[in-house]
Amino acid sequence: MLAGLNAAGKTTLARRLQRSLPAVRFTLDEWMLRLHGLSYDHADYPAAAATCREVIWDTAVQVLKTGTPVILDWNLWSRERRAEWVSRAADVGAPCVLHYLKVPLSTALERGRMRADGTAHRLSPDAIRHLAALFEPPTDAEGFVLETVIQAERT
């Protein structure tokens, strides 16, 4: 699982983990953009994303049953959201590792400006700042192995 500010580099990290583990990566933004073409702020997005996460999870469980790790690449920005997915993983006997990409807001803002490949939602600086104010940093007490990846501010 992944957590961090929007545009912090979670999908970049997920792609790296996919190769190094190896694992099967499920990136919500890619699925949503290909299947629905909806912007994250569209009124239909929340319901479509919830359905998409369920389809991804059903597929991920099949992959987990083969003994292959999976990477859930969507932002688990709150303790409540993380608890849900930790519980789901426990229900199928899968251990949880949360990769927390800890970056300064300035780095997320810079990365957000560079998004142009069509595989991630474009976010305005104001949207990134708003979402950063809602982000709840993960702690070791949440029921998963916490791997913190710290990236210095870009210069």
N, C-alpha and C. Protein backbone atom coordinates (compact mmCIF):
# COMPACT_ATOMS: atom_id res chain seq x y z
N MET A 1 0.85 -1.17 0.00
CA MET A 1 0.00 0.00 0.00
C MET A 1 0.89 1.23 0.00
N LEU A 2 0.30 2.35 -0.42
CA LEU A 2 1.06 3.60 -0.53
C LEU A 2 0.33 4.75 0.13
N ALA A 3 1.08 5.67 0.69
CA ALA A 3 0.52 6.89 1.25
C ALA A 3 1.52 8.01 1.04
N GLY A 4 1.00 9.20 0.90
CA GLY A 4 1.84 10.38 0.73
C GLY A 4 1.02 11.50 0.14
N LEU A 5 1.59 12.68 0.09
CA LEU A 5 0.90 13.80 -0.51
C LEU A 5 0.58 13.49 -1.97
N ASN A 6 -0.47 14.11 -2.48
CA ASN A 6 -0.77 13.97 -3.90
C ASN A 6 0.41 14.53 -4.69
N ALA A 7 0.81 13.80 -5.72
CA ALA A 7 1.93 14.16 -6.59
C ALA A 7 3.28 14.01 -5.91
N ALA A 8 3.33 13.22 -4.84
CA ALA A 8 4.60 13.00 -4.13
C ALA A 8 5.52 12.02 -4.86
N GLY A 9 4.97 11.21 -5.76
CA GLY A 9 5.78 10.22 -6.46
C GLY A 9 5.38 8.79 -6.12
N LYS A 10 4.16 8.58 -5.65
CA LYS A 10 3.73 7.24 -5.24
C LYS A 10 3.73 6.25 -6.40
N THR A 11 3.22 6.67 -7.56
CA THR A 11 3.19 5.74 -8.70
C THR A 11 4.60 5.45 -9.20
N THR A 12 5.47 6.43 -9.15
CA THR A 12 6.87 6.18 -9.53
C THR A 12 7.47 5.13 -8.60
N LEU A 13 7.21 5.27 -7.30
CA LEU A 13 7.68 4.27 -6.34
C LEU A 13 7.02 2.92 -6.59
N ALA A 14 5.72 2.91 -6.88
CA ALA A 14 5.01 1.65 -7.15
C ALA A 14 5.62 0.92 -8.34
N ARG A 15 5.97 1.65 -9.38
CA ARG A 15 6.59 1.03 -10.56
C ARG A 15 7.95 0.43 -10.21
N ARG A 16 8.70 1.13 -9.36
CA ARG A 16 10.00 0.62 -8.91
C ARG A 16 9.82 -0.66 -8.10
N LEU A 17 8.85 -0.65 -7.18
CA LEU A 17 8.57 -1.84 -6.37
C LEU A 17 8.08 -3.00 -7.22
N GLN A 18 7.29 -2.70 -8.22
CA GLN A 18 6.79 -3.73 -9.13
C GLN A 18 7.95 -4.50 -9.75
N ARG A 19 8.98 -3.80 -10.15
CA ARG A 19 10.14 -4.45 -10.77
C ARG A 19 11.01 -5.15 -9.74
N SER A 20 11.23 -4.52 -8.59
CA SER A 20 12.20 -5.05 -7.64
C SER A 20 11.67 -6.21 -6.81
N LEU A 21 10.38 -6.28 -6.55
CA LEU A 21 9.87 -7.35 -5.68
C LEU A 21 9.93 -8.74 -6.32
N PRO A 22 9.47 -9.06 -7.42
CA PRO A 22 8.48 -8.44 -8.29
C PRO A 22 7.08 -8.56 -7.70
N ALA A 23 6.17 -7.74 -8.25
CA ALA A 23 4.79 -7.72 -7.78
C ALA A 23 3.88 -7.28 -8.92
N VAL A 24 2.59 -7.39 -8.70
CA VAL A 24 1.61 -6.88 -9.65
C VAL A 24 1.09 -5.56 -9.09
N ARG A 25 1.16 -4.53 -9.91
CA ARG A 25 0.79 -3.17 -9.50
C ARG A 25 -0.61 -2.84 -10.00
N PHE A 26 -1.43 -2.29 -9.11
CA PHE A 26 -2.77 -1.82 -9.45
C PHE A 26 -2.83 -0.32 -9.15
N THR A 27 -2.78 0.51 -10.18
CA THR A 27 -2.77 1.95 -10.03
C THR A 27 -4.15 2.51 -10.35
N LEU A 28 -4.85 3.01 -9.35
CA LEU A 28 -6.22 3.48 -9.52
C LEU A 28 -6.33 4.57 -10.59
N ASP A 29 -5.44 5.56 -10.58
CA ASP A 29 -5.52 6.64 -11.58
C ASP A 29 -5.51 6.07 -13.00
N GLU A 30 -4.63 5.12 -13.27
CA GLU A 30 -4.55 4.54 -14.62
C GLU A 30 -5.85 3.86 -14.99
N TRP A 31 -6.40 3.07 -14.08
CA TRP A 31 -7.66 2.38 -14.34
C TRP A 31 -8.79 3.38 -14.56
N MET A 32 -8.88 4.37 -13.70
CA MET A 32 -9.97 5.34 -13.80
C MET A 32 -9.89 6.15 -15.09
N LEU A 33 -8.71 6.59 -15.45
CA LEU A 33 -8.58 7.39 -16.67
C LEU A 33 -8.88 6.55 -17.91
N ARG A 34 -8.43 5.30 -17.94
CA ARG A 34 -8.69 4.44 -19.10
C ARG A 34 -10.15 4.00 -19.18
N LEU A 35 -10.73 3.65 -18.04
CA LEU A 35 -12.09 3.12 -18.05
C LEU A 35 -13.16 4.22 -18.10
N HIS A 36 -12.93 5.32 -17.41
CA HIS A 36 -13.98 6.33 -17.27
C HIS A 36 -13.62 7.71 -17.82
N GLY A 37 -12.34 8.02 -17.88
CA GLY A 37 -11.92 9.32 -18.37
C GLY A 37 -12.42 10.49 -17.52
N LEU A 38 -12.72 10.21 -16.26
CA LEU A 38 -13.25 11.25 -15.37
C LEU A 38 -12.14 11.95 -14.61
N SER A 39 -12.27 13.25 -14.50
CA SER A 39 -11.38 14.01 -13.63
C SER A 39 -11.73 13.69 -12.18
N TYR A 40 -10.75 13.77 -11.30
CA TYR A 40 -10.97 13.45 -9.89
C TYR A 40 -12.03 14.34 -9.25
N ASP A 41 -12.29 15.51 -9.82
CA ASP A 41 -13.28 16.41 -9.24
C ASP A 41 -14.65 16.35 -9.91
N HIS A 42 -14.84 15.39 -10.81
CA HIS A 42 -16.13 15.18 -11.47
C HIS A 42 -17.10 14.57 -10.46
N ALA A 43 -18.36 14.94 -10.54
CA ALA A 43 -19.37 14.46 -9.58
C ALA A 43 -19.50 12.94 -9.57
N ASP A 44 -19.26 12.29 -10.70
CA ASP A 44 -19.38 10.83 -10.78
C ASP A 44 -18.13 10.08 -10.33
N TYR A 45 -17.05 10.82 -10.10
CA TYR A 45 -15.77 10.17 -9.78
C TYR A 45 -15.81 9.32 -8.51
N PRO A 46 -16.31 9.81 -7.38
CA PRO A 46 -16.25 9.00 -6.15
C PRO A 46 -16.91 7.62 -6.30
N ALA A 47 -18.08 7.56 -6.89
CA ALA A 47 -18.77 6.27 -7.06
C ALA A 47 -18.01 5.37 -8.03
N ALA A 48 -17.54 5.95 -9.13
CA ALA A 48 -16.79 5.16 -10.11
C ALA A 48 -15.48 4.64 -9.51
N ALA A 49 -14.80 5.47 -8.72
CA ALA A 49 -13.55 5.06 -8.09
C ALA A 49 -13.79 3.94 -7.08
N ALA A 50 -14.88 4.04 -6.33
CA ALA A 50 -15.20 2.98 -5.35
C ALA A 50 -15.43 1.65 -6.06
N THR A 51 -16.18 1.68 -7.15
CA THR A 51 -16.42 0.46 -7.92
C THR A 51 -15.12 -0.07 -8.51
N CYS A 52 -14.30 0.83 -9.01
CA CYS A 52 -13.01 0.44 -9.61
C CYS A 52 -12.11 -0.21 -8.55
N ARG A 53 -12.05 0.37 -7.35
CA ARG A 53 -11.23 -0.23 -6.28
C ARG A 53 -11.73 -1.64 -5.95
N GLU A 54 -13.04 -1.86 -5.97
CA GLU A 54 -13.59 -3.19 -5.69
C GLU A 54 -13.17 -4.20 -6.76
N VAL A 55 -13.22 -3.80 -8.02
CA VAL A 55 -12.79 -4.69 -9.10
C VAL A 55 -11.30 -4.97 -8.98
N ILE A 56 -10.52 -3.93 -8.70
CA ILE A 56 -9.08 -4.12 -8.49
C ILE A 56 -8.85 -5.08 -7.33
N TRP A 57 -9.55 -4.89 -6.22
CA TRP A 57 -9.35 -5.75 -5.05
C TRP A 57 -9.70 -7.20 -5.37
N ASP A 58 -10.80 -7.43 -6.07
CA ASP A 58 -11.17 -8.80 -6.44
C ASP A 58 -10.06 -9.46 -7.25
N THR A 59 -9.48 -8.70 -8.16
CA THR A 59 -8.37 -9.22 -8.97
C THR A 59 -7.12 -9.39 -8.13
N ALA A 60 -6.84 -8.42 -7.26
CA ALA A 60 -5.65 -8.51 -6.39
C ALA A 60 -5.71 -9.73 -5.48
N VAL A 61 -6.88 -10.06 -4.97
CA VAL A 61 -7.02 -11.24 -4.11
C VAL A 61 -6.64 -12.50 -4.90
N GLN A 62 -7.06 -12.58 -6.15
CA GLN A 62 -6.68 -13.74 -6.97
C GLN A 62 -5.17 -13.81 -7.13
N VAL A 63 -4.54 -12.66 -7.33
CA VAL A 63 -3.09 -12.62 -7.48
C VAL A 63 -2.42 -13.01 -6.16
N LEU A 64 -2.91 -12.48 -5.05
CA LEU A 64 -2.34 -12.82 -3.75
C LEU A 64 -2.40 -14.32 -3.48
N LYS A 65 -3.48 -14.97 -3.91
CA LYS A 65 -3.64 -16.41 -3.69
C LYS A 65 -2.61 -17.24 -4.45
N THR A 66 -1.94 -16.62 -5.43
CA THR A 66 -0.87 -17.33 -6.14
C THR A 66 0.47 -17.16 -5.43
N GLY A 67 0.47 -16.34 -4.36
CA GLY A 67 1.71 -16.07 -3.64
C GLY A 67 2.48 -14.88 -4.18
N THR A 68 1.89 -14.14 -5.09
CA THR A 68 2.54 -12.98 -5.68
C THR A 68 2.11 -11.71 -4.94
N PRO A 69 3.06 -10.88 -4.54
CA PRO A 69 2.68 -9.62 -3.88
C PRO A 69 1.92 -8.70 -4.83
N VAL A 70 1.08 -7.86 -4.26
CA VAL A 70 0.39 -6.83 -5.04
C VAL A 70 0.69 -5.47 -4.43
N ILE A 71 0.62 -4.47 -5.28
CA ILE A 71 0.81 -3.09 -4.86
C ILE A 71 -0.49 -2.36 -5.14
N LEU A 72 -1.11 -1.86 -4.08
CA LEU A 72 -2.32 -1.06 -4.21
C LEU A 72 -1.88 0.39 -4.29
N ASP A 73 -1.89 0.92 -5.50
CA ASP A 73 -1.39 2.26 -5.75
C ASP A 73 -2.55 3.24 -5.84
N TRP A 74 -3.05 3.57 -4.67
CA TRP A 74 -3.93 4.71 -4.53
C TRP A 74 -3.64 5.29 -3.17
N ASN A 75 -3.93 6.55 -3.02
CA ASN A 75 -3.48 7.25 -1.82
C ASN A 75 -4.34 6.89 -0.61
N LEU A 76 -3.72 6.25 0.33
CA LEU A 76 -4.38 5.95 1.60
C LEU A 76 -4.03 7.06 2.58
N TRP A 77 -4.67 8.21 2.39
CA TRP A 77 -4.31 9.45 3.05
C TRP A 77 -4.84 9.58 4.47
N SER A 78 -5.78 8.71 4.87
CA SER A 78 -6.32 8.82 6.23
C SER A 78 -6.17 7.51 6.99
N ARG A 79 -6.16 7.61 8.32
CA ARG A 79 -6.10 6.41 9.15
C ARG A 79 -7.29 5.49 8.86
N GLU A 80 -8.45 6.09 8.66
CA GLU A 80 -9.65 5.30 8.38
C GLU A 80 -9.50 4.49 7.09
N ARG A 81 -9.03 5.12 6.03
CA ARG A 81 -8.84 4.40 4.76
C ARG A 81 -7.78 3.30 4.91
N ARG A 82 -6.70 3.61 5.61
CA ARG A 82 -5.66 2.60 5.79
C ARG A 82 -6.19 1.42 6.59
N ALA A 83 -6.98 1.68 7.63
CA ALA A 83 -7.53 0.60 8.46
C ALA A 83 -8.42 -0.32 7.62
N GLU A 84 -9.19 0.25 6.72
CA GLU A 84 -10.04 -0.58 5.86
C GLU A 84 -9.22 -1.58 5.05
N TRP A 85 -8.13 -1.10 4.44
CA TRP A 85 -7.35 -1.98 3.56
C TRP A 85 -6.47 -2.93 4.35
N VAL A 86 -6.03 -2.54 5.53
CA VAL A 86 -5.31 -3.47 6.40
C VAL A 86 -6.24 -4.61 6.78
N SER A 87 -7.48 -4.28 7.11
CA SER A 87 -8.47 -5.30 7.47
C SER A 87 -8.76 -6.23 6.31
N ARG A 88 -8.92 -5.68 5.13
CA ARG A 88 -9.18 -6.51 3.95
C ARG A 88 -8.01 -7.46 3.68
N ALA A 89 -6.80 -6.95 3.81
CA ALA A 89 -5.63 -7.81 3.59
C ALA A 89 -5.58 -8.91 4.65
N ALA A 90 -5.86 -8.57 5.90
CA ALA A 90 -5.86 -9.57 6.97
C ALA A 90 -6.90 -10.64 6.71
N ASP A 91 -8.05 -10.24 6.17
CA ASP A 91 -9.12 -11.20 5.88
C ASP A 91 -8.70 -12.27 4.88
N VAL A 92 -7.74 -11.94 4.00
CA VAL A 92 -7.27 -12.93 3.02
C VAL A 92 -5.88 -13.46 3.39
N GLY A 93 -5.41 -13.11 4.59
CA GLY A 93 -4.14 -13.63 5.06
C GLY A 93 -2.91 -12.98 4.45
N ALA A 94 -3.07 -11.78 3.93
CA ALA A 94 -1.94 -11.09 3.29
C ALA A 94 -1.32 -10.09 4.26
N PRO A 95 -0.01 -10.11 4.42
CA PRO A 95 0.64 -9.10 5.26
C PRO A 95 0.59 -7.74 4.56
N CYS A 96 0.60 -6.68 5.36
CA CYS A 96 0.54 -5.32 4.82
C CYS A 96 1.83 -4.58 5.08
N VAL A 97 2.31 -3.95 4.03
CA VAL A 97 3.42 -3.00 4.14
C VAL A 97 2.89 -1.70 3.56
N LEU A 98 3.04 -0.62 4.31
CA LEU A 98 2.66 0.69 3.81
C LEU A 98 3.94 1.45 3.50
N HIS A 99 4.08 1.84 2.25
CA HIS A 99 5.21 2.66 1.82
C HIS A 99 4.74 4.11 1.88
N TYR A 100 5.30 4.85 2.82
CA TYR A 100 4.94 6.24 3.04
C TYR A 100 5.98 7.11 2.37
N LEU A 101 5.57 7.78 1.31
CA LEU A 101 6.46 8.66 0.58
C LEU A 101 6.38 10.04 1.22
N LYS A 102 7.37 10.36 2.04
CA LYS A 102 7.38 11.59 2.82
C LYS A 102 8.18 12.64 2.07
N VAL A 103 7.47 13.61 1.52
CA VAL A 103 8.12 14.69 0.77
C VAL A 103 7.59 16.03 1.25
N PRO A 104 8.38 17.06 1.10
CA PRO A 104 7.88 18.40 1.42
C PRO A 104 6.78 18.81 0.44
N LEU A 105 5.90 19.67 0.87
CA LEU A 105 4.83 20.16 0.00
C LEU A 105 5.40 20.76 -1.28
N SER A 106 6.52 21.44 -1.18
CA SER A 106 7.12 22.06 -2.38
C SER A 106 7.47 21.02 -3.44
N THR A 107 7.90 19.84 -3.01
CA THR A 107 8.22 18.77 -3.96
C THR A 107 6.95 18.26 -4.63
N ALA A 108 5.88 18.07 -3.86
CA ALA A 108 4.61 17.64 -4.44
C ALA A 108 4.09 18.67 -5.43
N LEU A 109 4.22 19.94 -5.11
CA LEU A 109 3.77 21.00 -6.02
C LEU A 109 4.56 20.96 -7.33
N GLU A 110 5.87 20.77 -7.22
CA GLU A 110 6.71 20.70 -8.42
C GLU A 110 6.34 19.49 -9.26
N ARG A 111 6.21 18.33 -8.62
CA ARG A 111 5.86 17.10 -9.35
C ARG A 111 4.48 17.22 -9.98
N GLY A 112 3.57 17.88 -9.29
CA GLY A 112 2.23 18.07 -9.84
C GLY A 112 2.25 18.88 -11.13
N ARG A 113 3.12 19.87 -11.19
CA ARG A 113 3.25 20.67 -12.42
C ARG A 113 3.81 19.86 -13.57
N MET A 114 4.59 18.81 -13.26
CA MET A 114 5.25 18.02 -14.31
C MET A 114 4.38 16.89 -14.84
N ARG A 115 3.24 16.61 -14.23
CA ARG A 115 2.39 15.51 -14.68
C ARG A 115 1.87 15.81 -16.08
N ALA A 116 2.22 14.95 -17.02
CA ALA A 116 1.77 15.21 -18.40
C ALA A 116 1.60 13.94 -19.21
N ASP A 117 1.79 12.75 -18.60
CA ASP A 117 1.77 11.54 -19.42
C ASP A 117 0.38 10.90 -19.55
N GLY A 118 -0.64 11.49 -18.93
CA GLY A 118 -2.00 10.97 -19.07
C GLY A 118 -2.32 9.77 -18.21
N THR A 119 -1.39 9.34 -17.34
CA THR A 119 -1.65 8.18 -16.48
C THR A 119 -1.98 8.58 -15.06
N ALA A 120 -1.97 9.88 -14.78
CA ALA A 120 -2.30 10.39 -13.44
C ALA A 120 -3.12 11.66 -13.60
N HIS A 121 -3.95 11.92 -12.62
CA HIS A 121 -4.77 13.12 -12.66
C HIS A 121 -3.91 14.36 -12.51
N ARG A 122 -4.20 15.35 -13.33
CA ARG A 122 -3.52 16.64 -13.19
C ARG A 122 -4.18 17.38 -12.04
N LEU A 123 -3.37 17.94 -11.17
CA LEU A 123 -3.88 18.65 -10.00
C LEU A 123 -3.31 20.06 -9.99
N SER A 124 -4.16 21.01 -9.70
CA SER A 124 -3.69 22.40 -9.58
C SER A 124 -2.90 22.53 -8.27
N PRO A 125 -2.05 23.54 -8.18
CA PRO A 125 -1.35 23.78 -6.91
C PRO A 125 -2.33 23.96 -5.74
N ASP A 126 -3.45 24.65 -5.98
CA ASP A 126 -4.43 24.83 -4.90
C ASP A 126 -5.02 23.49 -4.47
N ALA A 127 -5.28 22.59 -5.42
CA ALA A 127 -5.82 21.26 -5.07
C ALA A 127 -4.80 20.47 -4.26
N ILE A 128 -3.54 20.53 -4.65
CA ILE A 128 -2.49 19.81 -3.91
C ILE A 128 -2.38 20.36 -2.49
N ARG A 129 -2.43 21.68 -2.35
CA ARG A 129 -2.37 22.29 -1.01
C ARG A 129 -3.58 21.87 -0.17
N HIS A 130 -4.77 21.88 -0.77
CA HIS A 130 -5.98 21.49 -0.06
C HIS A 130 -5.88 20.04 0.42
N LEU A 131 -5.49 19.15 -0.48
CA LEU A 131 -5.40 17.73 -0.12
C LEU A 131 -4.29 17.49 0.91
N ALA A 132 -3.22 18.26 0.83
CA ALA A 132 -2.13 18.13 1.82
C ALA A 132 -2.62 18.49 3.22
N ALA A 133 -3.55 19.43 3.30
CA ALA A 133 -4.08 19.82 4.61
C ALA A 133 -4.93 18.71 5.22
N LEU A 134 -5.46 17.81 4.39
CA LEU A 134 -6.29 16.70 4.87
C LEU A 134 -5.47 15.45 5.19
N PHE A 135 -4.24 15.39 4.70
CA PHE A 135 -3.42 14.18 4.83
C PHE A 135 -3.07 13.88 6.29
N GLU A 136 -3.24 12.62 6.68
CA GLU A 136 -2.89 12.16 8.02
C GLU A 136 -1.67 11.24 7.91
N PRO A 137 -0.49 11.70 8.34
CA PRO A 137 0.71 10.85 8.23
C PRO A 137 0.51 9.54 8.98
N PRO A 138 0.98 8.45 8.40
CA PRO A 138 0.82 7.14 9.05
C PRO A 138 1.76 6.98 10.24
N THR A 139 1.38 6.05 11.12
CA THR A 139 2.20 5.72 12.29
C THR A 139 2.40 4.22 12.36
N ASP A 140 3.39 3.80 13.14
CA ASP A 140 3.68 2.38 13.33
C ASP A 140 2.54 1.63 14.02
N ALA A 141 1.65 2.32 14.68
CA ALA A 141 0.60 1.69 15.48
C ALA A 141 -0.65 1.32 14.67
N GLU A 142 -0.58 1.42 13.34
CA GLU A 142 -1.78 1.22 12.52
C GLU A 142 -1.96 -0.21 12.00
N GLY A 143 -1.08 -1.13 12.34
CA GLY A 143 -1.30 -2.52 11.96
C GLY A 143 -0.63 -2.98 10.69
N PHE A 144 0.38 -2.26 10.25
CA PHE A 144 1.13 -2.65 9.07
C PHE A 144 2.60 -2.38 9.31
N VAL A 145 3.43 -2.95 8.45
CA VAL A 145 4.85 -2.60 8.46
C VAL A 145 4.96 -1.26 7.76
N LEU A 146 5.56 -0.29 8.40
CA LEU A 146 5.69 1.05 7.83
C LEU A 146 7.09 1.24 7.26
N GLU A 147 7.14 1.47 5.97
CA GLU A 147 8.39 1.77 5.28
C GLU A 147 8.32 3.22 4.84
N THR A 148 9.10 4.08 5.46
CA THR A 148 9.07 5.50 5.11
C THR A 148 10.17 5.79 4.11
N VAL A 149 9.78 6.39 3.00
CA VAL A 149 10.72 6.81 1.96
C VAL A 149 10.75 8.33 2.02
N ILE A 150 11.90 8.86 2.41
CA ILE A 150 12.02 10.30 2.57
C ILE A 150 12.76 10.87 1.36
N GLN A 151 12.14 11.86 0.75
CA GLN A 151 12.78 12.54 -0.38
C GLN A 151 13.00 13.98 0.01
N ALA A 152 14.20 14.44 -0.20
CA ALA A 152 14.53 15.82 0.11
C ALA A 152 13.85 16.75 -0.88
N GLU A 153 13.74 17.98 -0.49
CA GLU A 153 13.17 18.99 -1.38
C GLU A 153 14.06 19.10 -2.60
N ARG A 154 13.41 19.23 -3.75
CA ARG A 154 14.17 19.39 -5.00
C ARG A 154 14.70 20.81 -5.10
N THR A 155 15.89 20.92 -5.65
CA THR A 155 16.46 22.27 -5.83
C THR A 155 16.77 22.51 -7.27
